[in-house]
Amino acid sequence: QVQLVESGGGLVQAGGSLKLSCAASGRAFTEAAMGWFRQAPGKEREFVAVVTWIGGNTHFSDFVKARFSISRDSAKNTMYLQMNSLKPEDTAVYYCAARSRMAYSFKDFASYKDYEYWGQGTQVTVSS
């Protein structure tokens, strides 16, 4: 079993930055990829970004491209989401997730149903 714990959320003004972390623990981490999703009140959970554990390939949703970056530290079993130029519409609970099966298309990476492990979420609030 894999446990995921997010940290780094908080309140920031529009235009500011935050860095989220997601630490994996439990059995040896052999998952194919880790990603970030977010969910705002009254909205569906949406894909933000993903990084493959071997190779470090990344994919982003259009609404965060050029503003967010994703990375992982294999030695620490930790994934990061650097969020810059934050906007009020980025306000949401951010969840990290891990999937054991590799995906080969953006559509597959963006499907939350294929992620077996989830963190508890961390709140990000961007004030205008």
C-alpha atoms as a PDB file:
ATOM      1  CA  GLN A   1       0.000   0.000   0.000  1.00  0.00           C
ATOM      2  CA  VAL A   2       1.163   3.514  -0.778  1.00  0.00           C
ATOM      3  CA  GLN A   3       0.327   6.550   1.331  1.00  0.00           C
ATOM      4  CA  LEU A   4       0.478  10.028  -0.137  1.00  0.00           C
ATOM      5  CA  VAL A   5       0.699  13.188   1.954  1.00  0.00           C
ATOM      6  CA  GLU A   6       0.456  16.673   0.449  1.00  0.00           C
ATOM      7  CA  SER A   7       1.800  19.846   1.998  1.00  0.00           C
ATOM      8  CA  GLY A   8       2.472  23.436   1.029  1.00  0.00           C
ATOM      9  CA  GLY A   9      -1.005  24.808   0.455  1.00  0.00           C
ATOM     10  CA  GLY A  10      -2.128  28.121   1.844  1.00  0.00           C
ATOM     11  CA  LEU A  11      -3.402  31.606   1.113  1.00  0.00           C
ATOM     12  CA  VAL A  12      -1.620  33.752  -1.437  1.00  0.00           C
ATOM     13  CA  GLN A  13      -2.404  36.918  -3.359  1.00  0.00           C
ATOM     14  CA  ALA A  14      -2.998  36.875  -7.085  1.00  0.00           C
ATOM     15  CA  GLY A  15       0.312  36.834  -8.924  1.00  0.00           C
ATOM     16  CA  GLY A  16       2.037  35.041  -6.089  1.00  0.00           C
ATOM     17  CA  SER A  17       3.603  31.594  -5.889  1.00  0.00           C
ATOM     18  CA  LEU A  18       3.237  28.409  -3.885  1.00  0.00           C
ATOM     19  CA  LYS A  19       5.058  25.092  -3.983  1.00  0.00           C
ATOM     20  CA  LEU A  20       3.164  21.927  -3.150  1.00  0.00           C
ATOM     21  CA  SER A  21       4.840  18.714  -2.104  1.00  0.00           C
ATOM     22  CA  CYS A  22       3.578  15.159  -2.132  1.00  0.00           C
ATOM     23  CA  ALA A  23       5.494  12.554  -0.176  1.00  0.00           C
ATOM     24  CA  ALA A  24       4.930   8.860  -0.827  1.00  0.00           C
ATOM     25  CA  SER A  25       5.473   6.268   1.890  1.00  0.00           C
ATOM     26  CA  GLY A  26       4.653   2.652   2.562  1.00  0.00           C
ATOM     27  CA  ARG A  27       5.972  -0.098   0.364  1.00  0.00           C
ATOM     28  CA  ALA A  28       8.680   0.551  -2.195  1.00  0.00           C
ATOM     29  CA  PHE A  29       7.385   3.125  -4.643  1.00  0.00           C
ATOM     30  CA  THR A  30       7.141   1.504  -8.056  1.00  0.00           C
ATOM     31  CA  GLU A  31       4.277   3.467  -9.542  1.00  0.00           C
ATOM     32  CA  ALA A  32       4.504   4.640 -13.120  1.00  0.00           C
ATOM     33  CA  ALA A  33       3.490   8.232 -12.593  1.00  0.00           C
ATOM     34  CA  MET A  34       2.312  10.786 -10.075  1.00  0.00           C
ATOM     35  CA  GLY A  35       0.037  13.665 -10.788  1.00  0.00           C
ATOM     36  CA  TRP A  36      -1.912  16.596  -9.378  1.00  0.00           C
ATOM     37  CA  PHE A  37      -5.627  17.149  -9.602  1.00  0.00           C
ATOM     38  CA  ARG A  38      -7.711  19.931  -8.140  1.00  0.00           C
ATOM     39  CA  GLN A  39     -11.311  20.441  -7.177  1.00  0.00           C
ATOM     40  CA  ALA A  40     -13.015  23.749  -6.573  1.00  0.00           C
ATOM     41  CA  PRO A  41     -16.334  24.014  -4.706  1.00  0.00           C
ATOM     42  CA  GLY A  42     -19.208  22.925  -6.893  1.00  0.00           C
ATOM     43  CA  LYS A  43     -16.913  21.757  -9.686  1.00  0.00           C
ATOM     44  CA  GLU A  44     -15.628  18.405 -10.841  1.00  0.00           C
ATOM     45  CA  ARG A  45     -12.130  17.228 -10.081  1.00  0.00           C
ATOM     46  CA  GLU A  46      -9.805  18.275 -12.895  1.00  0.00           C
ATOM     47  CA  PHE A  47      -6.371  17.240 -14.021  1.00  0.00           C
ATOM     48  CA  VAL A  48      -3.513  19.681 -13.449  1.00  0.00           C
ATOM     49  CA  ALA A  49      -0.228  17.962 -14.259  1.00  0.00           C
ATOM     50  CA  VAL A  50       1.602  14.629 -14.200  1.00  0.00           C
ATOM     51  CA  VAL A  51       5.182  13.402 -14.164  1.00  0.00           C
ATOM     52  CA  THR A  52       6.348   9.905 -15.033  1.00  0.00           C
ATOM     53  CA  TRP A  53       8.505   8.428 -12.309  1.00  0.00           C
ATOM     54  CA  ILE A  54      11.105   6.981 -14.708  1.00  0.00           C
ATOM     55  CA  GLY A  55      12.088   9.508 -17.309  1.00  0.00           C
ATOM     56  CA  GLY A  56      10.433  12.505 -15.720  1.00  0.00           C
ATOM     57  CA  ASN A  57       8.156  13.211 -18.681  1.00  0.00           C
ATOM     58  CA  THR A  58       5.511  15.815 -17.916  1.00  0.00           C
ATOM     59  CA  HIS A  59       2.071  16.829 -19.145  1.00  0.00           C
ATOM     60  CA  PHE A  60       0.003  19.852 -18.169  1.00  0.00           C
ATOM     61  CA  SER A  61      -3.511  21.067 -18.629  1.00  0.00           C
ATOM     62  CA  ASP A  62      -3.697  24.116 -20.841  1.00  0.00           C
ATOM     63  CA  PHE A  63      -4.853  26.384 -18.020  1.00  0.00           C
ATOM     64  CA  VAL A  64      -1.600  25.928 -16.080  1.00  0.00           C
ATOM     65  CA  LYS A  65       0.961  25.688 -18.867  1.00  0.00           C
ATOM     66  CA  ALA A  66       3.800  28.218 -18.540  1.00  0.00           C
ATOM     67  CA  ARG A  67       2.703  28.990 -14.966  1.00  0.00           C
ATOM     68  CA  PHE A  68       3.113  25.653 -13.168  1.00  0.00           C
ATOM     69  CA  SER A  69       5.954  23.162 -13.220  1.00  0.00           C
ATOM     70  CA  ILE A  70       6.080  19.613 -11.869  1.00  0.00           C
ATOM     71  CA  SER A  71       9.060  17.603 -10.729  1.00  0.00           C
ATOM     72  CA  ARG A  72       9.963  14.581  -8.657  1.00  0.00           C
ATOM     73  CA  ASP A  73      12.817  13.518  -6.413  1.00  0.00           C
ATOM     74  CA  SER A  74      13.086   9.765  -6.723  1.00  0.00           C
ATOM     75  CA  ALA A  75      15.490   9.483  -3.792  1.00  0.00           C
ATOM     76  CA  LYS A  76      12.925  11.127  -1.519  1.00  0.00           C
ATOM     77  CA  ASN A  77       9.819   9.596  -3.145  1.00  0.00           C
ATOM     78  CA  THR A  78       8.470  13.119  -3.364  1.00  0.00           C
ATOM     79  CA  MET A  79       6.737  15.067  -6.099  1.00  0.00           C
ATOM     80  CA  TYR A  80       6.466  18.835  -6.334  1.00  0.00           C
ATOM     81  CA  LEU A  81       4.177  21.340  -8.007  1.00  0.00           C
ATOM     82  CA  GLN A  82       5.605  24.830  -8.359  1.00  0.00           C
ATOM     83  CA  MET A  83       2.766  27.260  -8.988  1.00  0.00           C
ATOM     84  CA  ASN A  84       3.597  30.750 -10.230  1.00  0.00           C
ATOM     85  CA  SER A  85       1.462  33.672 -11.366  1.00  0.00           C
ATOM     86  CA  LEU A  86      -1.448  32.305  -9.397  1.00  0.00           C
ATOM     87  CA  LYS A  87      -4.949  33.469 -10.245  1.00  0.00           C
ATOM     88  CA  PRO A  88      -8.126  33.484  -8.136  1.00  0.00           C
ATOM     89  CA  GLU A  89      -9.502  30.744 -10.399  1.00  0.00           C
ATOM     90  CA  ASP A  90      -6.670  28.480  -9.216  1.00  0.00           C
ATOM     91  CA  THR A  91      -8.378  28.346  -5.824  1.00  0.00           C
ATOM     92  CA  ALA A  92      -9.166  24.700  -5.069  1.00  0.00           C
ATOM     93  CA  VAL A  93      -8.220  21.681  -3.025  1.00  0.00           C
ATOM     94  CA  TYR A  94      -5.188  20.143  -4.688  1.00  0.00           C
ATOM     95  CA  TYR A  95      -4.768  16.378  -4.570  1.00  0.00           C
ATOM     96  CA  CYS A  96      -1.765  14.310  -5.475  1.00  0.00           C
ATOM     97  CA  ALA A  97      -2.302  10.877  -6.940  1.00  0.00           C
ATOM     98  CA  ALA A  98      -0.267   7.921  -8.140  1.00  0.00           C
ATOM     99  CA  ARG A  99      -0.952   5.347 -10.826  1.00  0.00           C
ATOM    100  CA  SER A 100       0.737   2.015 -11.357  1.00  0.00           C
ATOM    101  CA  ARG A 101      -0.144   1.684 -15.033  1.00  0.00           C
ATOM    102  CA  MET A 102       1.685   3.825 -17.536  1.00  0.00           C
ATOM    103  CA  ALA A 103      -0.361   6.009 -19.819  1.00  0.00           C
ATOM    104  CA  TYR A 104       0.495   6.858 -23.402  1.00  0.00           C
ATOM    105  CA  SER A 105      -1.765   9.772 -24.126  1.00  0.00           C
ATOM    106  CA  PHE A 106      -2.723  12.998 -22.448  1.00  0.00           C
ATOM    107  CA  LYS A 107      -6.302  11.776 -22.195  1.00  0.00           C
ATOM    108  CA  ASP A 108      -5.194   8.695 -20.274  1.00  0.00           C
ATOM    109  CA  PHE A 109      -2.965  10.673 -17.915  1.00  0.00           C
ATOM    110  CA  ALA A 110      -5.805  13.084 -17.233  1.00  0.00           C
ATOM    111  CA  SER A 111      -8.298  10.382 -16.235  1.00  0.00           C
ATOM    112  CA  TYR A 112      -8.539  10.438 -12.447  1.00  0.00           C
ATOM    113  CA  LYS A 113     -10.182   6.989 -12.463  1.00  0.00           C
ATOM    114  CA  ASP A 114      -6.851   5.367 -13.352  1.00  0.00           C
ATOM    115  CA  TYR A 115      -5.039   6.642 -10.253  1.00  0.00           C
ATOM    116  CA  GLU A 116      -5.124   4.112  -7.435  1.00  0.00           C
ATOM    117  CA  TYR A 117      -3.627   6.179  -4.639  1.00  0.00           C
ATOM    118  CA  TRP A 118      -4.687   9.617  -3.424  1.00  0.00           C
ATOM    119  CA  GLY A 119      -3.603  12.086  -0.814  1.00  0.00           C
ATOM    120  CA  GLN A 120      -5.979  13.871   1.514  1.00  0.00           C
ATOM    121  CA  GLY A 121      -5.713  17.171  -0.350  1.00  0.00           C
ATOM    122  CA  THR A 122      -4.293  20.581   0.485  1.00  0.00           C
ATOM    123  CA  GLN A 123      -6.206  23.855   0.178  1.00  0.00           C
ATOM    124  CA  VAL A 124      -4.882  26.568  -2.110  1.00  0.00           C
ATOM    125  CA  THR A 125      -6.640  29.924  -1.902  1.00  0.00           C
ATOM    126  CA  VAL A 126      -5.720  32.803  -4.190  1.00  0.00           C
ATOM    127  CA  SER A 127      -7.114  36.183  -3.246  1.00  0.00           C
ATOM    128  CA  SER A 128      -7.726  38.934  -5.777  1.00  0.00           C
END
